[in-house]
Amino acid sequence: MSTADEADARDGDRTPGARALVVRLAVVVAVFLVAGAAAGALWERLWDAPTGLSFKGQWFLEPAGPDLSFEGIALFVLIAFPLGVVLAALAGIRRGHEVATVLIVLVAASLAGVVMYAVGTALGPSDPQALAAGQPDYTPISGDLGLTAPDRDRVPYHSTALVALPAGAMTGLVGMYLLGSRGLATRSRG
């Protein structure tokens, strides 16, 4: 067999494995994105909108307090973290290409967190600060779903809660790789 034939044979052996890896990683990304969209819908569905009042063109939470404005953020984390753990554990079941799996799970989980936020806020009520601008004083207005306090001049997506899904995913992968079928196996002593 010539050198060119050997190179072609080696390339032929790599191509199906590379294709299988790309398909596997694409499936992981797709599953994370679909799960992120579903989690966003669940987040919005389970969340109870706090009420507030308009006063002089601004919206104020009524009754005021951090516990009411924090509910949406806490619910986001309570949904996102376990979802990341489960999805990453499923992605880590199949061994091989662990570095590629870790990288793609981290990217997919980050994107899924953003998708979860985008879907949840799109399904939720509008920004109460914008609605209060044209309302008479003391008009009741529902709050919006977000990851920050409903204060004026806050950027709604500047929140560390967005790392809940990737943190859960890395926890799930570490657990799967350490405690999975091959990890921490006991060796016989005799």
Foldseek 3Di string as FASTA:
>chain_A
DDPVVVVVVVVVVVVVVVVVVVVLLVVLLVVLQVVLLVLLVVLLVPDDWFKFWFDQLFTDGVVDDPVRQCRSLVSLLVSQQQVLLVSLLVSQQDDDPLVVSLVSSLVSQLVSLVSSQVNNQVPWDDDVSNVSRPDYGGDMDTHGRANDGSDPPDDRDPHPSSCSNSVSNVVNNVCCQQVNPPHPDDDDPD
